[in-house]
Amino acid sequence: MTLHPQIAAFAAQLDDLSRLLRAQGARPWADRIDLIQRAVADSNYAGVTRFLELFEGEVGFAELTLSDEAADAALAQCRAAALAMAQRLAREEG
């Protein structure tokens, strides 16, 4: 089954995010992103919801920083792009 282009782009962005996190030793977050990415790649809207839920609470994904300055900048950019995609998908779904 061919994914809708926006869903495919979101899944690819999540894959990039996971690889970055894993390379920087943030395995627990990478594992969470992997689970979400698989749901999205299977056209399961719950993946979008789960990703957005990562930004809730005091210890949310938005507060995650990496020790390497360049990697942290890459994380901020990748995370912002994925969040924008998820929010757009959520608006279109609702």
C-alpha atoms as a PDB file:
ATOM      1  CA  MET A   1       0.000   0.000   0.000  1.00  0.00           C
ATOM      2  CA  THR A   2       1.317   3.423  -0.928  1.00  0.00           C
ATOM      3  CA  LEU A   3       1.346   5.979   1.873  1.00  0.00           C
ATOM      4  CA  HIS A   4      -0.141   9.422   1.458  1.00  0.00           C
ATOM      5  CA  PRO A   5       2.792  11.785   0.732  1.00  0.00           C
ATOM      6  CA  GLN A   6       2.345  13.729   4.001  1.00  0.00           C
ATOM      7  CA  ILE A   7       2.298  10.527   6.029  1.00  0.00           C
ATOM      8  CA  ALA A   8       5.332   9.174   4.179  1.00  0.00           C
ATOM      9  CA  ALA A   9       7.190  12.445   4.830  1.00  0.00           C
ATOM     10  CA  PHE A  10       6.280  12.309   8.532  1.00  0.00           C
ATOM     11  CA  ALA A  11       7.442   8.686   8.788  1.00  0.00           C
ATOM     12  CA  ALA A  12      10.738   9.618   7.123  1.00  0.00           C
ATOM     13  CA  GLN A  13      11.181  12.577   9.484  1.00  0.00           C
ATOM     14  CA  LEU A  14      10.582  10.295  12.457  1.00  0.00           C
ATOM     15  CA  ASP A  15      13.180   7.880  11.092  1.00  0.00           C
ATOM     16  CA  ASP A  16      15.719  10.717  10.852  1.00  0.00           C
ATOM     17  CA  LEU A  17      14.850  11.783  14.381  1.00  0.00           C
ATOM     18  CA  SER A  18      15.299   8.267  15.721  1.00  0.00           C
ATOM     19  CA  ARG A  19      18.679   7.837  14.034  1.00  0.00           C
ATOM     20  CA  LEU A  20      19.899  11.156  15.462  1.00  0.00           C
ATOM     21  CA  LEU A  21      18.758  10.258  18.966  1.00  0.00           C
ATOM     22  CA  ARG A  22      20.295   6.796  18.782  1.00  0.00           C
ATOM     23  CA  ALA A  23      23.612   8.195  17.511  1.00  0.00           C
ATOM     24  CA  GLN A  24      23.691  10.556  20.499  1.00  0.00           C
ATOM     25  CA  GLY A  25      22.968   7.837  23.054  1.00  0.00           C
ATOM     26  CA  ALA A  26      19.375   8.856  23.737  1.00  0.00           C
ATOM     27  CA  ARG A  27      18.154   5.308  23.273  1.00  0.00           C
ATOM     28  CA  PRO A  28      14.947   5.498  25.370  1.00  0.00           C
ATOM     29  CA  TRP A  29      13.705   8.403  23.258  1.00  0.00           C
ATOM     30  CA  ALA A  30      14.871   6.732  20.038  1.00  0.00           C
ATOM     31  CA  ASP A  31      12.956   3.587  20.992  1.00  0.00           C
ATOM     32  CA  ARG A  32       9.776   5.611  21.570  1.00  0.00           C
ATOM     33  CA  ILE A  33      10.179   7.362  18.228  1.00  0.00           C
ATOM     34  CA  ASP A  34      10.744   3.989  16.515  1.00  0.00           C
ATOM     35  CA  LEU A  35       7.438   2.660  17.852  1.00  0.00           C
ATOM     36  CA  ILE A  36       5.635   5.774  16.694  1.00  0.00           C
ATOM     37  CA  GLN A  37       7.337   5.654  13.300  1.00  0.00           C
ATOM     38  CA  ARG A  38       6.199   2.067  12.755  1.00  0.00           C
ATOM     39  CA  ALA A  39       2.601   3.020  13.577  1.00  0.00           C
ATOM     40  CA  VAL A  40       2.732   5.963  11.183  1.00  0.00           C
ATOM     41  CA  ALA A  41       4.315   3.831   8.447  1.00  0.00           C
ATOM     42  CA  ASP A  42       1.404   1.387   8.893  1.00  0.00           C
ATOM     43  CA  SER A  43      -1.045   4.282   8.341  1.00  0.00           C
ATOM     44  CA  ASN A  44      -2.108   4.105  11.980  1.00  0.00           C
ATOM     45  CA  TYR A  45      -3.229   7.567  13.107  1.00  0.00           C
ATOM     46  CA  ALA A  46      -2.455   6.625  16.715  1.00  0.00           C
ATOM     47  CA  GLY A  47       1.201   7.268  15.842  1.00  0.00           C
ATOM     48  CA  VAL A  48       0.431  10.948  15.251  1.00  0.00           C
ATOM     49  CA  THR A  49      -1.411  11.136  18.563  1.00  0.00           C
ATOM     50  CA  ARG A  50       1.411   9.374  20.415  1.00  0.00           C
ATOM     51  CA  PHE A  51       3.990  11.719  18.920  1.00  0.00           C
ATOM     52  CA  LEU A  52       2.027  14.793  19.981  1.00  0.00           C
ATOM     53  CA  GLU A  53       1.654  13.316  23.472  1.00  0.00           C
ATOM     54  CA  LEU A  54       5.467  13.270  23.809  1.00  0.00           C
ATOM     55  CA  PHE A  55       5.316  17.054  24.144  1.00  0.00           C
ATOM     56  CA  GLU A  56       2.968  16.991  27.131  1.00  0.00           C
ATOM     57  CA  GLY A  57       4.022  17.031  30.760  1.00  0.00           C
ATOM     58  CA  GLU A  58       7.007  18.406  32.606  1.00  0.00           C
ATOM     59  CA  VAL A  59       9.549  15.962  31.218  1.00  0.00           C
ATOM     60  CA  GLY A  60       8.363  16.136  27.658  1.00  0.00           C
ATOM     61  CA  PHE A  61      10.260  15.606  24.468  1.00  0.00           C
ATOM     62  CA  ALA A  62      10.379  19.378  23.896  1.00  0.00           C
ATOM     63  CA  GLU A  63      12.761  19.761  26.851  1.00  0.00           C
ATOM     64  CA  LEU A  64      15.216  17.103  25.677  1.00  0.00           C
ATOM     65  CA  THR A  65      18.684  18.488  24.972  1.00  0.00           C
ATOM     66  CA  LEU A  66      21.820  16.754  23.774  1.00  0.00           C
ATOM     67  CA  SER A  67      25.315  17.385  25.121  1.00  0.00           C
ATOM     68  CA  ASP A  68      26.832  18.018  21.690  1.00  0.00           C
ATOM     69  CA  GLU A  69      25.959  21.530  20.482  1.00  0.00           C
ATOM     70  CA  ALA A  70      25.729  20.603  16.789  1.00  0.00           C
ATOM     71  CA  ALA A  71      23.633  17.517  17.542  1.00  0.00           C
ATOM     72  CA  ASP A  72      21.378  19.570  19.803  1.00  0.00           C
ATOM     73  CA  ALA A  73      20.815  22.074  16.991  1.00  0.00           C
ATOM     74  CA  ALA A  74      20.044  19.202  14.601  1.00  0.00           C
ATOM     75  CA  LEU A  75      17.633  17.749  17.176  1.00  0.00           C
ATOM     76  CA  ALA A  76      15.823  21.069  17.537  1.00  0.00           C
ATOM     77  CA  GLN A  77      15.422  21.378  13.771  1.00  0.00           C
ATOM     78  CA  CYS A  78      14.354  17.758  13.235  1.00  0.00           C
ATOM     79  CA  ARG A  79      11.980  17.813  16.214  1.00  0.00           C
ATOM     80  CA  ALA A  80      10.361  21.070  15.053  1.00  0.00           C
ATOM     81  CA  ALA A  81       9.851  19.703  11.543  1.00  0.00           C
ATOM     82  CA  ALA A  82       8.284  16.489  12.877  1.00  0.00           C
ATOM     83  CA  LEU A  83       6.054  18.438  15.262  1.00  0.00           C
ATOM     84  CA  ALA A  84       4.836  20.712  12.469  1.00  0.00           C
ATOM     85  CA  MET A  85       4.028  17.665  10.318  1.00  0.00           C
ATOM     86  CA  ALA A  86       2.169  15.947  13.178  1.00  0.00           C
ATOM     87  CA  GLN A  87       0.184  19.084  13.977  1.00  0.00           C
ATOM     88  CA  ARG A  88      -0.793  19.485  10.314  1.00  0.00           C
ATOM     89  CA  LEU A  89      -1.901  15.842  10.132  1.00  0.00           C
ATOM     90  CA  ALA A  90      -3.899  16.275  13.346  1.00  0.00           C
ATOM     91  CA  ARG A  91      -5.653  19.362  11.969  1.00  0.00           C
ATOM     92  CA  GLU A  92      -6.531  17.528   8.776  1.00  0.00           C
ATOM     93  CA  GLU A  93      -7.814  14.514  10.708  1.00  0.00           C
ATOM     94  CA  GLY A  94      -9.953  16.619  13.046  1.00  0.00           C
END
